[in-house]
Amino acid sequence: MEKQRAADEAHTQVQALQVEYGRPTQENGWTDEQTTAYDTAWTTWPTLAAEIQAAVTEHAKTEGEARYKSRPR
């Protein structure tokens, strides 16, 4: 659950930055700092999501269950 919470927070951060910064293609675009902050948040979110999926798969393997039936504990 800790990884899921972290992934949810990372997704929330991406959404918050999108609202705060607007579109990167708008007039004047984003600053270098904004681009770095967004890129970091954008990269963190799918990385954490992939870790969750790997944990679910590993748990299912360990328990001898189908992956779709397994939930991490």
Protein backbone atom coordinates (compact mmCIF):
# COMPACT_ATOMS: atom_id res chain seq x y z
CA MET A 1 0.00 0.00 0.00
CA GLU A 2 2.92 2.33 0.62
CA LYS A 3 4.02 2.10 -3.02
CA GLN A 4 0.46 2.71 -4.20
CA ARG A 5 0.22 5.78 -1.99
CA ALA A 6 3.53 7.07 -3.39
CA ALA A 7 2.36 6.49 -6.98
CA ASP A 8 -0.93 8.27 -6.24
CA GLU A 9 0.97 11.22 -4.76
CA ALA A 10 3.28 11.34 -7.79
CA HIS A 11 0.25 11.38 -10.11
CA THR A 12 -1.33 14.15 -8.05
CA GLN A 13 1.93 16.11 -8.34
CA VAL A 14 1.88 15.76 -12.15
CA GLN A 15 -1.71 17.01 -12.25
CA ALA A 16 -0.95 19.92 -9.90
CA LEU A 17 2.01 21.02 -12.01
CA GLN A 18 -0.12 20.86 -15.16
CA VAL A 19 -2.65 23.19 -13.54
CA GLU A 20 -0.01 25.49 -12.07
CA TYR A 21 2.20 25.77 -15.16
CA GLY A 22 -0.38 25.59 -17.92
CA ARG A 23 0.52 24.21 -21.32
CA PRO A 24 4.21 24.09 -22.21
CA THR A 25 3.28 25.38 -25.67
CA GLN A 26 1.63 28.55 -24.34
CA GLU A 27 3.19 31.90 -25.10
CA ASN A 28 6.52 32.14 -23.23
CA GLY A 29 6.39 28.38 -22.48
CA TRP A 30 7.87 26.98 -19.31
CA THR A 31 11.07 27.98 -17.57
CA ASP A 32 13.91 25.46 -17.34
CA GLU A 33 13.04 24.94 -13.67
CA GLN A 34 9.40 24.21 -14.50
CA THR A 35 10.40 21.80 -17.23
CA THR A 36 12.75 19.96 -14.86
CA ALA A 37 10.12 19.78 -12.11
CA TYR A 38 7.49 18.45 -14.50
CA ASP A 39 9.84 15.95 -16.15
CA THR A 40 10.89 14.64 -12.73
CA ALA A 41 7.29 14.23 -11.59
CA TRP A 42 6.27 12.68 -14.93
CA THR A 43 9.12 10.14 -14.74
CA THR A 44 8.54 9.29 -11.08
CA TRP A 45 4.86 8.44 -11.51
CA PRO A 46 5.18 5.62 -14.12
CA THR A 47 8.30 4.30 -12.42
CA LEU A 48 6.36 3.83 -9.18
CA ALA A 49 3.40 2.36 -11.07
CA ALA A 50 5.71 -0.18 -12.73
CA GLU A 51 7.13 -1.13 -9.32
CA ILE A 52 3.59 -1.77 -8.07
CA GLN A 53 2.81 -3.98 -11.04
CA ALA A 54 6.03 -5.93 -10.51
CA ALA A 55 5.16 -6.40 -6.81
CA VAL A 56 1.68 -7.67 -7.68
CA THR A 57 3.14 -10.09 -10.23
CA GLU A 58 5.75 -11.34 -7.75
CA HIS A 59 3.13 -11.78 -5.04
CA ALA A 60 0.90 -13.76 -7.39
CA LYS A 61 3.84 -15.96 -8.38
CA THR A 62 4.77 -16.57 -4.75
CA GLU A 63 1.18 -17.42 -3.84
CA GLY A 64 0.67 -19.56 -6.95
CA GLU A 65 -2.33 -17.44 -7.94
CA ALA A 66 -3.36 -15.82 -11.17
CA ARG A 67 -2.06 -12.25 -11.23
CA TYR A 68 -5.51 -10.72 -11.69
CA LYS A 69 -6.72 -12.35 -8.45
CA SER A 70 -3.77 -11.23 -6.36
CA ARG A 71 -3.63 -8.10 -4.26
CA PRO A 72 -0.46 -6.97 -2.45
CA ARG A 73 -0.64 -7.17 1.30
